[in-house]
Amino acid sequence: MPAYNSIFNAEASPQLIGNFPLLPLRTRTRGPAYTLPLDNSLAPHLSPEPDSESYDALDEVLSLFRANTFFRNFEIQGPADRLLVYGILWVSECLGKVKPGYSARCVTRGW
């Protein structure tokens, strides 16, 4: 069974910066990426469905994290896959810094 690839590989020709795609983000902060509309009907801690127009690359990284970490090989089929791999590595590094003895309060405050 192959690993899960990014659905953003289907985009025609995303703008690339350093061989990484500049994909739209769901945010209120201004920046170089195209801003996706916020879904007000969705609770802040929930992620939208992949078919939704407010689904972004960060939602994909978080939803595919557990499934893709179990695969030994990953075939990069486009620039969005490269972003997905680095996003998964970043989440893994963040989870590695959280020590088992830390409480949820210490983790969220950065102690």
PDB file of N, CA and C in Angstrom:
ATOM      1  N   MET A   1       0.850  -1.177   0.000  1.00  0.00           N
ATOM      2  CA  MET A   1       0.000   0.000   0.000  1.00  0.00           C
ATOM      3  C   MET A   1       0.897   1.243   0.000  1.00  0.00           C
ATOM      4  N   PRO A   2       0.703   2.126  -0.959  1.00  0.00           N
ATOM      5  CA  PRO A   2       1.549   3.331  -1.013  1.00  0.00           C
ATOM      6  C   PRO A   2       1.108   4.371   0.013  1.00  0.00           C
ATOM      7  N   ALA A   3       2.017   5.279   0.301  1.00  0.00           N
ATOM      8  CA  ALA A   3       1.721   6.375   1.225  1.00  0.00           C
ATOM      9  C   ALA A   3       0.720   7.331   0.591  1.00  0.00           C
ATOM     10  N   TYR A   4       0.108   8.156   1.407  1.00  0.00           N
ATOM     11  CA  TYR A   4      -0.865   9.128   0.923  1.00  0.00           C
ATOM     12  C   TYR A   4      -0.143  10.360   0.392  1.00  0.00           C
ATOM     13  N   ASN A   5      -0.462  10.739  -0.836  1.00  0.00           N
ATOM     14  CA  ASN A   5       0.132  11.927  -1.443  1.00  0.00           C
ATOM     15  C   ASN A   5      -0.794  13.114  -1.263  1.00  0.00           C
ATOM     16  N   SER A   6      -0.266  14.295  -1.509  1.00  0.00           N
ATOM     17  CA  SER A   6      -1.009  15.532  -1.308  1.00  0.00           C
ATOM     18  C   SER A   6      -2.067  15.726  -2.395  1.00  0.00           C
ATOM     19  N   ILE A   7      -3.226  16.226  -1.990  1.00  0.00           N
ATOM     20  CA  ILE A   7      -4.252  16.543  -2.980  1.00  0.00           C
ATOM     21  C   ILE A   7      -3.932  17.847  -3.698  1.00  0.00           C
ATOM     22  N   PHE A   8      -2.976  18.608  -3.180  1.00  0.00           N
ATOM     23  CA  PHE A   8      -2.605  19.879  -3.796  1.00  0.00           C
ATOM     24  C   PHE A   8      -1.648  19.690  -4.971  1.00  0.00           C
ATOM     25  N   ASN A   9      -1.245  18.447  -5.272  1.00  0.00           N
ATOM     26  CA  ASN A   9      -0.446  18.183  -6.466  1.00  0.00           C
ATOM     27  C   ASN A   9      -1.261  18.408  -7.727  1.00  0.00           C
ATOM     28  N   ALA A  10      -2.588  18.383  -7.601  1.00  0.00           N
ATOM     29  CA  ALA A  10      -3.458  18.554  -8.762  1.00  0.00           C
ATOM     30  C   ALA A  10      -3.513  20.001  -9.245  1.00  0.00           C
ATOM     31  N   GLU A  11      -3.029  20.943  -8.437  1.00  0.00           N
ATOM     32  CA  GLU A  11      -3.036  22.346  -8.867  1.00  0.00           C
ATOM     33  C   GLU A  11      -2.140  22.504 -10.080  1.00  0.00           C
ATOM     34  N   ALA A  12      -2.598  23.308 -11.037  1.00  0.00           N
ATOM     35  CA  ALA A  12      -1.932  23.421 -12.341  1.00  0.00           C
ATOM     36  C   ALA A  12      -0.454  23.786 -12.223  1.00  0.00           C
ATOM     37  N   SER A  13      -0.163  24.961 -11.769  1.00  0.00           N
ATOM     38  CA  SER A  13       1.243  25.372 -11.632  1.00  0.00           C
ATOM     39  C   SER A  13       1.352  26.359 -10.474  1.00  0.00           C
ATOM     40  N   PRO A  14       1.513  25.839  -9.256  1.00  0.00           N
ATOM     41  CA  PRO A  14       1.627  26.749  -8.113  1.00  0.00           C
ATOM     42  C   PRO A  14       2.942  27.516  -8.166  1.00  0.00           C
ATOM     43  N   GLN A  15       2.943  28.699  -7.585  1.00  0.00           N
ATOM     44  CA  GLN A  15       4.170  29.485  -7.508  1.00  0.00           C
ATOM     45  C   GLN A  15       5.141  28.756  -6.585  1.00  0.00           C
ATOM     46  N   LEU A  16       6.386  28.598  -7.040  1.00  0.00           N
ATOM     47  CA  LEU A  16       7.392  27.883  -6.259  1.00  0.00           C
ATOM     48  C   LEU A  16       8.410  28.854  -5.693  1.00  0.00           C
ATOM     49  N   ILE A  17       8.772  28.646  -4.436  1.00  0.00           N
ATOM     50  CA  ILE A  17       9.838  29.406  -3.790  1.00  0.00           C
ATOM     51  C   ILE A  17      10.786  28.379  -3.189  1.00  0.00           C
ATOM     52  N   GLY A  18      11.978  28.267  -3.734  1.00  0.00           N
ATOM     53  CA  GLY A  18      12.937  27.284  -3.246  1.00  0.00           C
ATOM     54  C   GLY A  18      12.445  25.866  -3.439  1.00  0.00           C
ATOM     55  N   ASN A  19      11.750  25.603  -4.524  1.00  0.00           N
ATOM     56  CA  ASN A  19      11.196  24.295  -4.865  1.00  0.00           C
ATOM     57  C   ASN A  19      10.060  23.871  -3.926  1.00  0.00           C
ATOM     58  N   PHE A  20       9.509  24.814  -3.176  1.00  0.00           N
ATOM     59  CA  PHE A  20       8.341  24.576  -2.337  1.00  0.00           C
ATOM     60  C   PHE A  20       7.173  25.356  -2.911  1.00  0.00           C
ATOM     61  N   PRO A  21       5.982  24.775  -2.914  1.00  0.00           N
ATOM     62  CA  PRO A  21       4.832  25.502  -3.452  1.00  0.00           C
ATOM     63  C   PRO A  21       4.320  26.545  -2.460  1.00  0.00           C
ATOM     64  N   LEU A  22       3.870  27.642  -2.982  1.00  0.00           N
ATOM     65  CA  LEU A  22       3.251  28.685  -2.169  1.00  0.00           C
ATOM     66  C   LEU A  22       1.747  28.440  -2.239  1.00  0.00           C
ATOM     67  N   LEU A  23       1.247  27.627  -1.327  1.00  0.00           N
ATOM     68  CA  LEU A  23      -0.155  27.209  -1.334  1.00  0.00           C
ATOM     69  C   LEU A  23      -0.992  28.138  -0.467  1.00  0.00           C
ATOM     70  N   PRO A  24      -2.289  28.224  -0.759  1.00  0.00           N
ATOM     71  CA  PRO A  24      -3.159  29.089   0.042  1.00  0.00           C
ATOM     72  C   PRO A  24      -3.283  28.598   1.483  1.00  0.00           C
ATOM     73  N   LEU A  25      -3.467  29.551   2.395  1.00  0.00           N
ATOM     74  CA  LEU A  25      -3.623  29.247   3.817  1.00  0.00           C
ATOM     75  C   LEU A  25      -4.899  29.869   4.350  1.00  0.00           C
ATOM     76  N   ARG A  26      -5.490  29.219   5.332  1.00  0.00           N
ATOM     77  CA  ARG A  26      -6.676  29.749   5.994  1.00  0.00           C
ATOM     78  C   ARG A  26      -6.195  30.552   7.199  1.00  0.00           C
ATOM     79  N   THR A  27      -6.089  31.855   7.032  1.00  0.00           N
ATOM     80  CA  THR A  27      -5.538  32.709   8.083  1.00  0.00           C
ATOM     81  C   THR A  27      -6.076  34.126   7.953  1.00  0.00           C
ATOM     82  N   ARG A  28      -5.892  34.892   9.006  1.00  0.00           N
ATOM     83  CA  ARG A  28      -6.235  36.317   8.960  1.00  0.00           C
ATOM     84  C   ARG A  28      -4.978  37.172   8.808  1.00  0.00           C
ATOM     85  N   THR A  29      -3.811  36.539   8.896  1.00  0.00           N
ATOM     86  CA  THR A  29      -2.535  37.240   8.804  1.00  0.00           C
ATOM     87  C   THR A  29      -2.159  37.460   7.344  1.00  0.00           C
ATOM     88  N   ARG A  30      -1.729  38.659   7.026  1.00  0.00           N
ATOM     89  CA  ARG A  30      -1.320  38.952   5.659  1.00  0.00           C
ATOM     90  C   ARG A  30       0.048  38.353   5.392  1.00  0.00           C
ATOM     91  N   GLY A  31       0.257  37.947   4.170  1.00  0.00           N
ATOM     92  CA  GLY A  31       1.538  37.375   3.783  1.00  0.00           C
ATOM     93  C   GLY A  31       1.551  37.091   2.300  1.00  0.00           C
ATOM     94  N   PRO A  32       2.579  36.399   1.806  1.00  0.00           N
ATOM     95  CA  PRO A  32       2.681  36.155   0.375  1.00  0.00           C
ATOM     96  C   PRO A  32       1.702  35.105  -0.142  1.00  0.00           C
ATOM     97  N   ALA A  33       1.182  34.252   0.733  1.00  0.00           N
ATOM     98  CA  ALA A  33       0.272  33.198   0.293  1.00  0.00           C
ATOM     99  C   ALA A  33      -1.140  33.746   0.118  1.00  0.00           C
ATOM    100  N   TYR A  34      -1.860  33.150  -0.825  1.00  0.00           N
ATOM    101  CA  TYR A  34      -3.259  33.486  -1.039  1.00  0.00           C
ATOM    102  C   TYR A  34      -4.049  33.057   0.193  1.00  0.00           C
ATOM    103  N   THR A  35      -4.951  33.905   0.658  1.00  0.00           N
ATOM    104  CA  THR A  35      -5.721  33.626   1.869  1.00  0.00           C
ATOM    105  C   THR A  35      -7.035  32.946   1.519  1.00  0.00           C
ATOM    106  N   LEU A  36      -7.309  31.828   2.173  1.00  0.00           N
ATOM    107  CA  LEU A  36      -8.568  31.117   1.989  1.00  0.00           C
ATOM    108  C   LEU A  36      -9.627  31.710   2.905  1.00  0.00           C
ATOM    109  N   PRO A  37     -10.893  31.603   2.514  1.00  0.00           N
ATOM    110  CA  PRO A  37     -11.956  32.121   3.381  1.00  0.00           C
ATOM    111  C   PRO A  37     -12.086  31.281   4.651  1.00  0.00           C
ATOM    112  N   LEU A  38     -12.398  31.940   5.748  1.00  0.00           N
ATOM    113  CA  LEU A  38     -12.609  31.250   7.018  1.00  0.00           C
ATOM    114  C   LEU A  38     -14.014  30.671   7.045  1.00  0.00           C
ATOM    115  N   ASP A  39     -14.150  29.467   7.566  1.00  0.00           N
ATOM    116  CA  ASP A  39     -15.446  28.810   7.689  1.00  0.00           C
ATOM    117  C   ASP A  39     -15.968  29.079   9.093  1.00  0.00           C
ATOM    118  N   ASN A  40     -16.912  30.009   9.213  1.00  0.00           N
ATOM    119  CA  ASN A  40     -17.424  30.407  10.529  1.00  0.00           C
ATOM    120  C   ASN A  40     -18.285  29.334  11.180  1.00  0.00           C
ATOM    121  N   SER A  41     -18.825  28.398  10.387  1.00  0.00           N
ATOM    122  CA  SER A  41     -19.662  27.349  10.959  1.00  0.00           C
ATOM    123  C   SER A  41     -18.828  26.260  11.636  1.00  0.00           C
ATOM    124  N   LEU A  42     -17.510  26.279  11.420  1.00  0.00           N
ATOM    125  CA  LEU A  42     -16.620  25.261  11.964  1.00  0.00           C
ATOM    126  C   LEU A  42     -16.005  25.744  13.274  1.00  0.00           C
ATOM    127  N   ALA A  43     -15.978  24.866  14.270  1.00  0.00           N
ATOM    128  CA  ALA A  43     -15.348  25.217  15.552  1.00  0.00           C
ATOM    129  C   ALA A  43     -13.852  25.433  15.335  1.00  0.00           C
ATOM    130  N   PRO A  44     -13.217  26.315  16.115  1.00  0.00           N
ATOM    131  CA  PRO A  44     -11.795  26.637  15.894  1.00  0.00           C
ATOM    132  C   PRO A  44     -10.844  25.445  16.008  1.00  0.00           C
ATOM    133  N   HIS A  45     -11.191  24.441  16.810  1.00  0.00           N
ATOM    134  CA  HIS A  45     -10.290  23.301  16.999  1.00  0.00           C
ATOM    135  C   HIS A  45     -10.523  22.181  15.985  1.00  0.00           C
ATOM    136  N   LEU A  46     -11.476  22.342  15.078  1.00  0.00           N
ATOM    137  CA  LEU A  46     -11.776  21.321  14.081  1.00  0.00           C
ATOM    138  C   LEU A  46     -11.180  21.687  12.733  1.00  0.00           C
ATOM    139  N   SER A  47     -10.922  20.678  11.926  1.00  0.00           N
ATOM    140  CA  SER A  47     -10.373  20.873  10.586  1.00  0.00           C
ATOM    141  C   SER A  47     -11.481  20.640   9.563  1.00  0.00           C
ATOM    142  N   PRO A  48     -11.526  21.437   8.495  1.00  0.00           N
ATOM    143  CA  PRO A  48     -12.566  21.235   7.484  1.00  0.00           C
ATOM    144  C   PRO A  48     -12.327  19.972   6.669  1.00  0.00           C
ATOM    145  N   GLU A  49     -13.346  19.547   5.963  1.00  0.00           N
ATOM    146  CA  GLU A  49     -13.247  18.379   5.087  1.00  0.00           C
ATOM    147  C   GLU A  49     -12.334  18.688   3.905  1.00  0.00           C
ATOM    148  N   PRO A  50     -11.665  17.683   3.331  1.00  0.00           N
ATOM    149  CA  PRO A  50     -10.778  17.932   2.183  1.00  0.00           C
ATOM    150  C   PRO A  50     -11.482  18.525   0.962  1.00  0.00           C
ATOM    151  N   ASP A  51     -12.795  18.312   0.822  1.00  0.00           N
ATOM    152  CA  ASP A  51     -13.516  18.882  -0.333  1.00  0.00           C
ATOM    153  C   ASP A  51     -13.834  20.358  -0.126  1.00  0.00           C
ATOM    154  N   SER A  52     -13.745  20.825   1.099  1.00  0.00           N
ATOM    155  CA  SER A  52     -14.103  22.203   1.424  1.00  0.00           C
ATOM    156  C   SER A  52     -13.118  23.184   0.801  1.00  0.00           C
ATOM    157  N   GLU A  53     -13.606  24.382   0.491  1.00  0.00           N
ATOM    158  CA  GLU A  53     -12.716  25.387  -0.099  1.00  0.00           C
ATOM    159  C   GLU A  53     -11.777  25.996   0.933  1.00  0.00           C
ATOM    160  N   SER A  54     -12.049  25.800   2.221  1.00  0.00           N
ATOM    161  CA  SER A  54     -11.168  26.354   3.253  1.00  0.00           C
ATOM    162  C   SER A  54     -10.154  25.326   3.768  1.00  0.00           C
ATOM    163  N   TYR A  55     -10.035  24.170   3.113  1.00  0.00           N
ATOM    164  CA  TYR A  55      -9.044  23.139   3.467  1.00  0.00           C
ATOM    165  C   TYR A  55      -7.686  23.580   2.937  1.00  0.00           C
ATOM    166  N   ASP A  56      -6.673  23.641   3.810  1.00  0.00           N
ATOM    167  CA  ASP A  56      -5.355  24.109   3.370  1.00  0.00           C
ATOM    168  C   ASP A  56      -4.285  23.048   3.628  1.00  0.00           C
ATOM    169  N   ALA A  57      -3.041  23.373   3.290  1.00  0.00           N
ATOM    170  CA  ALA A  57      -1.934  22.420   3.393  1.00  0.00           C
ATOM    171  C   ALA A  57      -1.653  22.027   4.841  1.00  0.00           C
ATOM    172  N   LEU A  58      -1.859  22.930   5.786  1.00  0.00           N
ATOM    173  CA  LEU A  58      -1.636  22.591   7.197  1.00  0.00           C
ATOM    174  C   LEU A  58      -2.662  21.580   7.693  1.00  0.00           C
ATOM    175  N   ASP A  59      -3.901  21.712   7.238  1.00  0.00           N
ATOM    176  CA  ASP A  59      -4.918  20.718   7.588  1.00  0.00           C
ATOM    177  C   ASP A  59      -4.517  19.346   7.054  1.00  0.00           C
ATOM    178  N   GLU A  60      -3.965  19.338   5.841  1.00  0.00           N
ATOM    179  CA  GLU A  60      -3.551  18.075   5.237  1.00  0.00           C
ATOM    180  C   GLU A  60      -2.383  17.450   6.000  1.00  0.00           C
ATOM    181  N   VAL A  61      -1.424  18.250   6.404  1.00  0.00           N
ATOM    182  CA  VAL A  61      -0.282  17.730   7.175  1.00  0.00           C
ATOM    183  C   VAL A  61      -0.778  17.095   8.465  1.00  0.00           C
ATOM    184  N   LEU A  62      -1.668  17.766   9.166  1.00  0.00           N
ATOM    185  CA  LEU A  62      -2.159  17.243  10.442  1.00  0.00           C
ATOM    186  C   LEU A  62      -3.041  16.012  10.261  1.00  0.00           C
ATOM    187  N   SER A  63      -3.824  15.964   9.186  1.00  0.00           N
ATOM    188  CA  SER A  63      -4.706  14.814   8.995  1.00  0.00           C
ATOM    189  C   SER A  63      -3.949  13.584   8.482  1.00  0.00           C
ATOM    190  N   LEU A  64      -2.863  13.777   7.724  1.00  0.00           N
ATOM    191  CA  LEU A  64      -2.113  12.641   7.180  1.00  0.00           C
ATOM    192  C   LEU A  64      -0.883  12.288   8.008  1.00  0.00           C
ATOM    193  N   PHE A  65      -0.656  12.993   9.099  1.00  0.00           N
ATOM    194  CA  PHE A  65       0.550  12.768   9.901  1.00  0.00           C
ATOM    195  C   PHE A  65       0.664  11.326  10.366  1.00  0.00           C
ATOM    196  N   ARG A  66      -0.334  10.832  11.036  1.00  0.00           N
ATOM    197  CA  ARG A  66      -0.257   9.488  11.617  1.00  0.00           C
ATOM    198  C   ARG A  66      -0.140   8.417  10.530  1.00  0.00           C
ATOM    199  N   ALA A  67      -0.914   8.542   9.468  1.00  0.00           N
ATOM    200  CA  ALA A  67      -0.886   7.524   8.414  1.00  0.00           C
ATOM    201  C   ALA A  67       0.463   7.489   7.697  1.00  0.00           C
ATOM    202  N   ASN A  68       1.014   8.642   7.368  1.00  0.00           N
ATOM    203  CA  ASN A  68       2.251   8.674   6.584  1.00  0.00           C
ATOM    204  C   ASN A  68       3.501   8.401   7.410  1.00  0.00           C
ATOM    205  N   THR A  69       3.453   8.528   8.715  1.00  0.00           N
ATOM    206  CA  THR A  69       4.651   8.241   9.507  1.00  0.00           C
ATOM    207  C   THR A  69       4.944   6.746   9.569  1.00  0.00           C
ATOM    208  N   PHE A  70       3.977   5.910   9.273  1.00  0.00           N
ATOM    209  CA  PHE A  70       4.195   4.466   9.322  1.00  0.00           C
ATOM    210  C   PHE A  70       4.791   3.904   8.037  1.00  0.00           C
ATOM    211  N   PHE A  71       4.867   4.700   6.983  1.00  0.00           N
ATOM    212  CA  PHE A  71       5.414   4.216   5.720  1.00  0.00           C
ATOM    213  C   PHE A  71       6.917   4.433   5.673  1.00  0.00           C
ATOM    214  N   ARG A  72       7.622   3.450   5.184  1.00  0.00           N
ATOM    215  CA  ARG A  72       9.079   3.541   5.075  1.00  0.00           C
ATOM    216  C   ARG A  72       9.483   4.365   3.857  1.00  0.00           C
ATOM    217  N   ASN A  73       8.779   4.204   2.749  1.00  0.00           N
ATOM    218  CA  ASN A  73       9.097   4.908   1.504  1.00  0.00           C
ATOM    219  C   ASN A  73       7.981   5.877   1.159  1.00  0.00           C
ATOM    220  N   PHE A  74       8.366   6.975   0.553  1.00  0.00           N
ATOM    221  CA  PHE A  74       7.386   7.973   0.118  1.00  0.00           C
ATOM    222  C   PHE A  74       7.843   8.515  -1.225  1.00  0.00           C
ATOM    223  N   GLU A  75       7.028   8.325  -2.251  1.00  0.00           N
ATOM    224  CA  GLU A  75       7.366   8.807  -3.587  1.00  0.00           C
ATOM    225  C   GLU A  75       6.821  10.222  -3.752  1.00  0.00           C
ATOM    226  N   ILE A  76       7.708  11.173  -3.979  1.00  0.00           N
ATOM    227  CA  ILE A  76       7.299  12.566  -4.168  1.00  0.00           C
ATOM    228  C   ILE A  76       6.809  12.731  -5.600  1.00  0.00           C
ATOM    229  N   GLN A  77       5.527  13.051  -5.754  1.00  0.00           N
ATOM    230  CA  GLN A  77       4.922  13.172  -7.075  1.00  0.00           C
ATOM    231  C   GLN A  77       4.742  14.614  -7.510  1.00  0.00           C
ATOM    232  N   GLY A  78       5.069  15.553  -6.655  1.00  0.00           N
ATOM    233  CA  GLY A  78       4.932  16.959  -7.006  1.00  0.00           C
ATOM    234  C   GLY A  78       5.434  17.841  -5.882  1.00  0.00           C
ATOM    235  N   PRO A  79       5.415  19.154  -6.102  1.00  0.00           N
ATOM    236  CA  PRO A  79       5.928  20.073  -5.079  1.00  0.00           C
ATOM    237  C   PRO A  79       5.109  20.059  -3.789  1.00  0.00           C
ATOM    238  N   ALA A  80       3.821  19.784  -3.876  1.00  0.00           N
ATOM    239  CA  ALA A  80       2.998  19.753  -2.664  1.00  0.00           C
ATOM    240  C   ALA A  80       3.372  18.568  -1.774  1.00  0.00           C
ATOM    241  N   ASP A  81       3.857  17.483  -2.371  1.00  0.00           N
ATOM    242  CA  ASP A  81       4.325  16.349  -1.570  1.00  0.00           C
ATOM    243  C   ASP A  81       5.566  16.716  -0.771  1.00  0.00           C
ATOM    244  N   ARG A  82       6.423  17.529  -1.344  1.00  0.00           N
ATOM    245  CA  ARG A  82       7.628  17.972  -0.631  1.00  0.00           C
ATOM    246  C   ARG A  82       7.228  18.788   0.599  1.00  0.00           C
ATOM    247  N   LEU A  83       6.237  19.650   0.440  1.00  0.00           N
ATOM    248  CA  LEU A  83       5.732  20.430   1.567  1.00  0.00           C
ATOM    249  C   LEU A  83       5.095  19.512   2.611  1.00  0.00           C
ATOM    250  N   LEU A  84       4.392  18.488   2.160  1.00  0.00           N
ATOM    251  CA  LEU A  84       3.764  17.532   3.070  1.00  0.00           C
ATOM    252  C   LEU A  84       4.816  16.778   3.889  1.00  0.00           C
ATOM    253  N   VAL A  85       5.892  16.345   3.247  1.00  0.00           N
ATOM    254  CA  VAL A  85       6.952  15.615   3.951  1.00  0.00           C
ATOM    255  C   VAL A  85       7.615  16.501   4.998  1.00  0.00           C
ATOM    256  N   TYR A  86       7.950  17.728   4.623  1.00  0.00           N
ATOM    257  CA  TYR A  86       8.581  18.623   5.592  1.00  0.00           C
ATOM    258  C   TYR A  86       7.619  19.006   6.714  1.00  0.00           C
ATOM    259  N   GLY A  87       6.350  19.138   6.414  1.00  0.00           N
ATOM    260  CA  GLY A  87       5.365  19.417   7.457  1.00  0.00           C
ATOM    261  C   GLY A  87       5.257  18.271   8.445  1.00  0.00           C
ATOM    262  N   ILE A  88       5.264  17.041   7.940  1.00  0.00           N
ATOM    263  CA  ILE A  88       5.197  15.867   8.811  1.00  0.00           C
ATOM    264  C   ILE A  88       6.457  15.766   9.668  1.00  0.00           C
ATOM    265  N   LEU A  89       7.613  16.058   9.082  1.00  0.00           N
ATOM    266  CA  LEU A  89       8.858  16.046   9.859  1.00  0.00           C
ATOM    267  C   LEU A  89       8.852  17.118  10.944  1.00  0.00           C
ATOM    268  N   TRP A  90       8.286  18.275  10.632  1.00  0.00           N
ATOM    269  CA  TRP A  90       8.224  19.362  11.613  1.00  0.00           C
ATOM    270  C   TRP A  90       7.301  18.993  12.772  1.00  0.00           C
ATOM    271  N   VAL A  91       6.142  18.409  12.473  1.00  0.00           N
ATOM    272  CA  VAL A  91       5.219  17.987  13.530  1.00  0.00           C
ATOM    273  C   VAL A  91       5.874  16.912  14.391  1.00  0.00           C
ATOM    274  N   SER A  92       6.584  15.989  13.760  1.00  0.00           N
ATOM    275  CA  SER A  92       7.279  14.941  14.500  1.00  0.00           C
ATOM    276  C   SER A  92       8.340  15.530  15.427  1.00  0.00           C
ATOM    277  N   GLU A  93       9.069  16.523  14.954  1.00  0.00           N
ATOM    278  CA  GLU A  93      10.091  17.185  15.778  1.00  0.00           C
ATOM    279  C   GLU A  93       9.446  17.916  16.962  1.00  0.00           C
ATOM    280  N   CYS A  94       8.322  18.571  16.721  1.00  0.00           N
ATOM    281  CA  CYS A  94       7.611  19.266  17.809  1.00  0.00           C
ATOM    282  C   CYS A  94       7.125  18.279  18.863  1.00  0.00           C
ATOM    283  N   LEU A  95       6.586  17.149  18.424  1.00  0.00           N
ATOM    284  CA  LEU A  95       6.121  16.144  19.379  1.00  0.00           C
ATOM    285  C   LEU A  95       7.282  15.521  20.144  1.00  0.00           C
ATOM    286  N   GLY A  96       8.450  15.442  19.522  1.00  0.00           N
ATOM    287  CA  GLY A  96       9.625  14.908  20.199  1.00  0.00           C
ATOM    288  C   GLY A  96      10.123  15.819  21.300  1.00  0.00           C
ATOM    289  N   LYS A  97       9.869  17.116  21.184  1.00  0.00           N
ATOM    290  CA  LYS A  97      10.310  18.076  22.197  1.00  0.00           C
ATOM    291  C   LYS A  97       9.394  18.087  23.416  1.00  0.00           C
ATOM    292  N   VAL A  98       8.187  17.567  23.265  1.00  0.00           N
ATOM    293  CA  VAL A  98       7.251  17.491  24.386  1.00  0.00           C
ATOM    294  C   VAL A  98       7.645  16.284  25.229  1.00  0.00           C
ATOM    295  N   LYS A  99       8.049  16.525  26.426  1.00  0.00           N
ATOM    296  CA  LYS A  99       8.507  15.450  27.302  1.00  0.00           C
ATOM    297  C   LYS A  99       7.300  14.720  27.901  1.00  0.00           C
ATOM    298  N   PRO A 100       7.427  13.411  28.125  1.00  0.00           N
ATOM    299  CA  PRO A 100       6.295  12.642  28.650  1.00  0.00           C
ATOM    300  C   PRO A 100       5.774  13.140  29.993  1.00  0.00           C
ATOM    301  N   GLY A 101       6.608  13.725  30.831  1.00  0.00           N
ATOM    302  CA  GLY A 101       6.180  14.172  32.148  1.00  0.00           C
ATOM    303  C   GLY A 101       5.489  15.520  32.152  1.00  0.00           C
ATOM    304  N   TYR A 102       5.475  16.210  31.024  1.00  0.00           N
ATOM    305  CA  TYR A 102       4.866  17.538  30.967  1.00  0.00           C
ATOM    306  C   TYR A 102       3.347  17.442  31.017  1.00  0.00           C
ATOM    307  N   SER A 103       2.749  18.397  31.693  1.00  0.00           N
ATOM    308  CA  SER A 103       1.291  18.467  31.699  1.00  0.00           C
ATOM    309  C   SER A 103       0.838  19.247  30.466  1.00  0.00           C
ATOM    310  N   ALA A 104      -0.442  19.193  30.168  1.00  0.00           N
ATOM    311  CA  ALA A 104      -0.974  19.917  29.012  1.00  0.00           C
ATOM    312  C   ALA A 104      -0.772  21.416  29.186  1.00  0.00           C
ATOM    313  N   ARG A 105      -0.851  21.898  30.412  1.00  0.00           N
ATOM    314  CA  ARG A 105      -0.669  23.332  30.667  1.00  0.00           C
ATOM    315  C   ARG A 105       0.767  23.772  30.363  1.00  0.00           C
ATOM    316  N   CYS A 106       1.749  22.964  30.771  1.00  0.00           N
ATOM    317  CA  CYS A 106       3.157  23.293  30.500  1.00  0.00           C
ATOM    318  C   CYS A 106       3.443  23.288  29.004  1.00  0.00           C
ATOM    319  N   VAL A 107       2.857  22.352  28.293  1.00  0.00           N
ATOM    320  CA  VAL A 107       3.106  22.244  26.855  1.00  0.00           C
ATOM    321  C   VAL A 107       2.533  23.438  26.112  1.00  0.00           C
ATOM    322  N   THR A 108       1.313  23.852  26.445  1.00  0.00           N
ATOM    323  CA  THR A 108       0.693  24.967  25.727  1.00  0.00           C
ATOM    324  C   THR A 108       1.344  26.295  26.067  1.00  0.00           C
ATOM    325  N   ARG A 109       1.920  26.422  27.257  1.00  0.00           N
ATOM    326  CA  ARG A 109       2.573  27.681  27.633  1.00  0.00           C
ATOM    327  C   ARG A 109       4.047  27.714  27.254  1.00  0.00           C
ATOM    328  N   GLY A 110       4.615  26.586  26.866  1.00  0.00           N
ATOM    329  CA  GLY A 110       6.004  26.545  26.442  1.00  0.00           C
ATOM    330  C   GLY A 110       7.008  26.465  27.571  1.00  0.00           C
ATOM    331  N   TRP A 111       6.622  25.930  28.723  1.00  0.00           N
ATOM    332  CA  TRP A 111       7.546  25.838  29.861  1.00  0.00           C
ATOM    333  C   TRP A 111       8.418  24.675  29.670  1.00  0.00           C
TER     334      TRP A 111
END
